[in-house]
Amino acid sequence: YFQEHVLEGQAYGSHAISMPTTAAIVAEIEKNPRALGYGGIAYGQHLVHCKINGISPTTEAVRKDIYPIARYLYFYTIKKPEGLTKQFIDWVLSRNGQRLVKEAGYMPLFEVP
């Protein structure tokens, strides 16, 4: 995603390090003040999140689709969800589910208290 949307298909630099998880990226950034990383917004809450073209990665900017490197997370199922699967997806999309999304540090689909 980063290479496609930020680097516009160009190769990573020769000093780039691929990390297995966002948590590993955050740990590396914490050790190296000149490091730059890309990962989920819920990680590294205490780190500086970069503006792109002067736009900060705020919930409003993401919802309005103006922050250029935000993306949604999706559920994929083999067939139309039913039973417990549908109940789970419905719950995630509910006010209570979105509240938990927000508490986990991610951006909810709609405003929740």
N, C-alpha and C. Protein backbone atom coordinates (compact mmCIF):
# COMPACT_ATOMS: atom_id res chain seq x y z
N TYR A 1 0.83 -1.19 0.00
CA TYR A 1 0.00 0.00 0.00
C TYR A 1 0.87 1.25 0.00
N PHE A 2 1.85 1.31 0.86
CA PHE A 2 2.73 2.47 0.96
C PHE A 2 3.49 2.69 -0.35
N GLN A 3 4.03 1.61 -0.88
CA GLN A 3 4.81 1.74 -2.12
C GLN A 3 3.92 2.22 -3.27
N GLU A 4 2.71 1.72 -3.34
CA GLU A 4 1.80 2.10 -4.41
C GLU A 4 1.30 3.54 -4.25
N HIS A 5 0.88 3.92 -3.04
CA HIS A 5 0.21 5.20 -2.85
C HIS A 5 1.13 6.36 -2.46
N VAL A 6 2.25 6.07 -1.85
CA VAL A 6 3.17 7.15 -1.44
C VAL A 6 4.36 7.22 -2.39
N LEU A 7 4.96 6.08 -2.65
CA LEU A 7 6.11 6.06 -3.55
C LEU A 7 5.71 6.00 -5.02
N GLU A 8 4.42 5.90 -5.27
CA GLU A 8 3.87 5.86 -6.64
C GLU A 8 4.56 4.80 -7.49
N GLY A 9 4.75 3.62 -6.89
CA GLY A 9 5.30 2.48 -7.61
C GLY A 9 6.81 2.39 -7.63
N GLN A 10 7.49 3.41 -7.14
CA GLN A 10 8.96 3.39 -7.12
C GLN A 10 9.45 2.39 -6.07
N ALA A 11 10.67 1.95 -6.24
CA ALA A 11 11.26 0.99 -5.31
C ALA A 11 11.61 1.69 -3.99
N TYR A 12 11.63 0.91 -2.93
CA TYR A 12 12.11 1.43 -1.65
C TYR A 12 13.60 1.76 -1.77
N GLY A 13 14.08 2.66 -0.95
CA GLY A 13 15.50 3.01 -0.94
C GLY A 13 16.35 1.84 -0.48
N SER A 14 17.62 1.89 -0.80
CA SER A 14 18.51 0.77 -0.48
C SER A 14 18.70 0.57 1.02
N HIS A 15 18.39 1.57 1.84
CA HIS A 15 18.54 1.44 3.29
C HIS A 15 17.22 1.09 3.98
N ALA A 16 16.17 0.88 3.21
CA ALA A 16 14.87 0.55 3.80
C ALA A 16 14.93 -0.82 4.46
N ILE A 17 14.24 -0.94 5.58
CA ILE A 17 14.18 -2.19 6.32
C ILE A 17 12.73 -2.64 6.35
N SER A 18 12.47 -3.86 5.97
CA SER A 18 11.13 -4.42 6.04
C SER A 18 10.95 -5.05 7.42
N MET A 19 9.87 -4.70 8.09
CA MET A 19 9.62 -5.21 9.43
C MET A 19 8.39 -6.14 9.39
N PRO A 20 8.34 -7.15 10.25
CA PRO A 20 7.25 -8.12 10.19
C PRO A 20 5.91 -7.61 10.72
N THR A 21 5.93 -6.62 11.60
CA THR A 21 4.68 -6.13 12.19
C THR A 21 4.76 -4.63 12.42
N THR A 22 3.60 -4.01 12.60
CA THR A 22 3.58 -2.59 12.92
C THR A 22 4.23 -2.34 14.28
N ALA A 23 4.04 -3.25 15.22
CA ALA A 23 4.68 -3.11 16.54
C ALA A 23 6.20 -3.07 16.39
N ALA A 24 6.76 -3.88 15.49
CA ALA A 24 8.20 -3.87 15.25
C ALA A 24 8.64 -2.55 14.62
N ILE A 25 7.82 -2.00 13.74
CA ILE A 25 8.12 -0.70 13.13
C ILE A 25 8.18 0.37 14.21
N VAL A 26 7.18 0.38 15.08
CA VAL A 26 7.14 1.37 16.17
C VAL A 26 8.38 1.23 17.06
N ALA A 27 8.75 0.01 17.40
CA ALA A 27 9.92 -0.22 18.25
C ALA A 27 11.18 0.32 17.58
N GLU A 28 11.31 0.13 16.28
CA GLU A 28 12.47 0.64 15.54
C GLU A 28 12.48 2.17 15.51
N ILE A 29 11.33 2.77 15.30
CA ILE A 29 11.23 4.23 15.27
C ILE A 29 11.59 4.82 16.63
N GLU A 30 11.18 4.14 17.69
CA GLU A 30 11.50 4.62 19.04
C GLU A 30 13.01 4.62 19.30
N LYS A 31 13.73 3.71 18.66
CA LYS A 31 15.19 3.62 18.85
C LYS A 31 15.96 4.60 17.97
N ASN A 32 15.37 4.99 16.85
CA ASN A 32 16.08 5.80 15.87
C ASN A 32 15.28 7.07 15.56
N PRO A 33 15.70 8.21 16.08
CA PRO A 33 14.93 9.44 15.88
C PRO A 33 14.85 9.90 14.43
N ARG A 34 15.66 9.33 13.54
CA ARG A 34 15.60 9.70 12.12
C ARG A 34 14.78 8.70 11.31
N ALA A 35 14.20 7.72 11.97
CA ALA A 35 13.46 6.68 11.27
C ALA A 35 12.10 7.19 10.80
N LEU A 36 11.61 6.58 9.76
CA LEU A 36 10.29 6.86 9.21
C LEU A 36 9.63 5.52 8.98
N GLY A 37 8.39 5.37 9.41
CA GLY A 37 7.71 4.10 9.23
C GLY A 37 6.28 4.30 8.82
N TYR A 38 5.66 3.22 8.37
CA TYR A 38 4.26 3.25 7.97
C TYR A 38 3.56 2.07 8.61
N GLY A 39 2.43 2.32 9.26
CA GLY A 39 1.67 1.25 9.87
C GLY A 39 0.31 1.75 10.30
N GLY A 40 -0.41 0.92 11.00
CA GLY A 40 -1.74 1.28 11.47
C GLY A 40 -1.71 2.42 12.46
N ILE A 41 -2.71 3.28 12.39
CA ILE A 41 -2.79 4.47 13.24
C ILE A 41 -2.91 4.11 14.72
N ALA A 42 -3.40 2.93 15.03
CA ALA A 42 -3.60 2.55 16.43
C ALA A 42 -2.27 2.26 17.14
N TYR A 43 -1.22 2.07 16.38
CA TYR A 43 0.09 1.80 16.97
C TYR A 43 0.85 3.11 17.09
N GLY A 44 1.69 3.20 18.08
CA GLY A 44 2.55 4.36 18.21
C GLY A 44 1.80 5.65 18.42
N GLN A 45 0.80 5.62 19.30
CA GLN A 45 -0.01 6.81 19.57
C GLN A 45 0.86 7.99 20.00
N HIS A 46 1.99 7.71 20.60
CA HIS A 46 2.87 8.77 21.10
C HIS A 46 3.85 9.27 20.03
N LEU A 47 3.82 8.68 18.85
CA LEU A 47 4.71 9.10 17.77
C LEU A 47 4.08 10.24 16.97
N VAL A 48 4.87 10.93 16.19
CA VAL A 48 4.35 11.99 15.33
C VAL A 48 3.80 11.33 14.06
N HIS A 49 2.54 11.58 13.78
CA HIS A 49 1.92 11.06 12.56
C HIS A 49 2.04 12.14 11.49
N CYS A 50 2.59 11.78 10.37
CA CYS A 50 2.96 12.75 9.33
C CYS A 50 1.77 13.35 8.60
N LYS A 51 1.91 14.64 8.33
CA LYS A 51 1.00 15.31 7.42
C LYS A 51 1.43 14.95 6.00
N ILE A 52 0.46 14.82 5.13
CA ILE A 52 0.74 14.60 3.71
C ILE A 52 0.10 15.77 2.97
N ASN A 53 0.89 16.50 2.22
CA ASN A 53 0.40 17.70 1.53
C ASN A 53 -0.32 18.64 2.49
N GLY A 54 0.21 18.74 3.71
CA GLY A 54 -0.36 19.65 4.70
C GLY A 54 -1.59 19.13 5.41
N ILE A 55 -1.98 17.89 5.15
CA ILE A 55 -3.19 17.31 5.75
C ILE A 55 -2.79 16.31 6.83
N SER A 56 -3.28 16.54 8.05
CA SER A 56 -3.01 15.63 9.17
C SER A 56 -3.94 14.43 9.10
N PRO A 57 -3.50 13.28 9.62
CA PRO A 57 -4.35 12.08 9.60
C PRO A 57 -5.40 12.10 10.71
N THR A 58 -6.30 13.05 10.66
CA THR A 58 -7.37 13.14 11.65
C THR A 58 -8.53 12.24 11.23
N THR A 59 -9.39 11.94 12.18
CA THR A 59 -10.57 11.14 11.86
C THR A 59 -11.40 11.83 10.78
N GLU A 60 -11.58 13.13 10.90
CA GLU A 60 -12.37 13.87 9.91
C GLU A 60 -11.74 13.79 8.52
N ALA A 61 -10.42 13.95 8.43
CA ALA A 61 -9.74 13.89 7.13
C ALA A 61 -9.85 12.50 6.52
N VAL A 62 -9.79 11.47 7.35
CA VAL A 62 -9.92 10.11 6.84
C VAL A 62 -11.35 9.85 6.38
N ARG A 63 -12.33 10.24 7.18
CA ARG A 63 -13.74 10.03 6.80
C ARG A 63 -14.10 10.77 5.51
N LYS A 64 -13.54 11.95 5.32
CA LYS A 64 -13.83 12.74 4.11
C LYS A 64 -12.95 12.31 2.94
N ASP A 65 -12.10 11.32 3.17
CA ASP A 65 -11.23 10.77 2.13
C ASP A 65 -10.27 11.81 1.57
N ILE A 66 -9.77 12.71 2.45
CA ILE A 66 -8.81 13.71 1.99
C ILE A 66 -7.39 13.43 2.48
N TYR A 67 -7.23 12.56 3.48
CA TYR A 67 -5.87 12.16 3.87
C TYR A 67 -5.47 11.06 2.89
N PRO A 68 -4.40 11.27 2.12
CA PRO A 68 -4.14 10.41 0.96
C PRO A 68 -3.68 8.98 1.23
N ILE A 69 -3.25 8.65 2.44
CA ILE A 69 -2.77 7.27 2.63
C ILE A 69 -3.55 6.54 3.71
N ALA A 70 -4.83 6.83 3.82
CA ALA A 70 -5.70 6.09 4.73
C ALA A 70 -6.41 5.01 3.92
N ARG A 71 -6.76 3.94 4.60
CA ARG A 71 -7.52 2.89 3.93
C ARG A 71 -8.45 2.23 4.93
N TYR A 72 -9.51 1.68 4.42
CA TYR A 72 -10.47 0.97 5.24
C TYR A 72 -10.02 -0.48 5.42
N LEU A 73 -10.48 -1.09 6.48
CA LEU A 73 -10.27 -2.52 6.70
C LEU A 73 -11.59 -3.22 6.38
N TYR A 74 -11.51 -4.37 5.75
CA TYR A 74 -12.71 -5.06 5.28
C TYR A 74 -12.81 -6.46 5.88
N PHE A 75 -14.03 -6.95 5.93
CA PHE A 75 -14.29 -8.36 6.24
C PHE A 75 -14.63 -9.03 4.91
N TYR A 76 -14.01 -10.17 4.63
CA TYR A 76 -14.34 -10.94 3.44
C TYR A 76 -14.88 -12.28 3.89
N THR A 77 -15.97 -12.69 3.28
CA THR A 77 -16.55 -14.00 3.58
C THR A 77 -16.75 -14.75 2.27
N ILE A 78 -16.78 -16.06 2.35
CA ILE A 78 -16.95 -16.88 1.15
C ILE A 78 -18.36 -16.73 0.59
N LYS A 79 -19.33 -16.62 1.48
CA LYS A 79 -20.72 -16.45 1.02
C LYS A 79 -21.35 -15.34 1.85
N LYS A 80 -22.58 -15.01 1.52
CA LYS A 80 -23.28 -13.96 2.26
C LYS A 80 -23.28 -14.32 3.74
N PRO A 81 -22.83 -13.39 4.60
CA PRO A 81 -22.75 -13.71 6.03
C PRO A 81 -24.11 -14.08 6.63
N GLU A 82 -24.08 -15.08 7.50
CA GLU A 82 -25.29 -15.48 8.21
C GLU A 82 -24.89 -16.00 9.59
N GLY A 83 -25.86 -16.18 10.44
CA GLY A 83 -25.60 -16.72 11.76
C GLY A 83 -24.62 -15.88 12.57
N LEU A 84 -23.69 -16.56 13.25
CA LEU A 84 -22.73 -15.87 14.11
C LEU A 84 -21.84 -14.89 13.33
N THR A 85 -21.51 -15.25 12.10
CA THR A 85 -20.68 -14.36 11.29
C THR A 85 -21.40 -13.04 11.04
N LYS A 86 -22.67 -13.11 10.66
CA LYS A 86 -23.45 -11.89 10.42
C LYS A 86 -23.63 -11.12 11.72
N GLN A 87 -23.88 -11.82 12.81
CA GLN A 87 -24.04 -11.13 14.10
C GLN A 87 -22.76 -10.38 14.48
N PHE A 88 -21.61 -11.01 14.23
CA PHE A 88 -20.34 -10.36 14.55
C PHE A 88 -20.14 -9.11 13.70
N ILE A 89 -20.34 -9.22 12.40
CA ILE A 89 -20.18 -8.07 11.51
C ILE A 89 -21.15 -6.97 11.88
N ASP A 90 -22.40 -7.33 12.14
CA ASP A 90 -23.40 -6.33 12.56
C ASP A 90 -22.96 -5.64 13.84
N TRP A 91 -22.40 -6.40 14.78
CA TRP A 91 -21.95 -5.80 16.04
C TRP A 91 -20.78 -4.84 15.79
N VAL A 92 -19.81 -5.25 14.97
CA VAL A 92 -18.67 -4.37 14.68
C VAL A 92 -19.16 -3.05 14.08
N LEU A 93 -20.18 -3.12 13.24
CA LEU A 93 -20.71 -1.92 12.59
C LEU A 93 -21.67 -1.13 13.48
N SER A 94 -22.01 -1.68 14.64
CA SER A 94 -22.93 -1.00 15.55
C SER A 94 -22.22 0.09 16.33
N ARG A 95 -22.99 0.88 17.05
CA ARG A 95 -22.42 1.95 17.88
C ARG A 95 -21.45 1.36 18.91
N ASN A 96 -21.82 0.26 19.57
CA ASN A 96 -20.93 -0.36 20.56
C ASN A 96 -19.65 -0.89 19.91
N GLY A 97 -19.79 -1.50 18.75
CA GLY A 97 -18.61 -2.01 18.04
C GLY A 97 -17.68 -0.88 17.62
N GLN A 98 -18.25 0.19 17.10
CA GLN A 98 -17.44 1.33 16.67
C GLN A 98 -16.81 2.05 17.86
N ARG A 99 -17.47 2.01 19.00
CA ARG A 99 -16.88 2.58 20.21
C ARG A 99 -15.61 1.80 20.58
N LEU A 100 -15.67 0.48 20.46
CA LEU A 100 -14.49 -0.35 20.75
C LEU A 100 -13.38 -0.10 19.72
N VAL A 101 -13.76 0.09 18.47
CA VAL A 101 -12.78 0.44 17.43
C VAL A 101 -12.03 1.70 17.84
N LYS A 102 -12.79 2.70 18.29
CA LYS A 102 -12.19 3.98 18.73
C LYS A 102 -11.29 3.77 19.95
N GLU A 103 -11.76 2.99 20.93
CA GLU A 103 -10.97 2.74 22.14
C GLU A 103 -9.67 2.01 21.82
N ALA A 104 -9.67 1.20 20.76
CA ALA A 104 -8.47 0.47 20.35
C ALA A 104 -7.48 1.36 19.61
N GLY A 105 -7.88 2.61 19.34
CA GLY A 105 -6.98 3.55 18.69
C GLY A 105 -7.19 3.71 17.20
N TYR A 106 -8.17 3.00 16.67
CA TYR A 106 -8.49 3.14 15.25
C TYR A 106 -9.56 4.20 15.06
N MET A 107 -9.89 4.50 13.83
CA MET A 107 -10.88 5.53 13.53
C MET A 107 -12.21 4.88 13.22
N PRO A 108 -13.24 5.19 14.02
CA PRO A 108 -14.55 4.60 13.77
C PRO A 108 -15.16 5.14 12.48
N LEU A 109 -16.09 4.37 11.92
CA LEU A 109 -16.75 4.78 10.68
C LEU A 109 -17.64 6.00 10.87
N PHE A 110 -18.14 6.18 12.09
CA PHE A 110 -18.98 7.33 12.41
C PHE A 110 -18.66 7.77 13.83
N GLU A 111 -19.08 8.97 14.18
CA GLU A 111 -18.75 9.54 15.49
C GLU A 111 -19.44 8.75 16.60
N VAL A 112 -18.67 8.38 17.60
CA VAL A 112 -19.20 7.71 18.78
C VAL A 112 -18.65 8.41 20.01
N PRO A 113 -19.45 8.43 21.09
CA PRO A 113 -18.97 9.10 22.32
C PRO A 113 -17.84 8.33 22.99
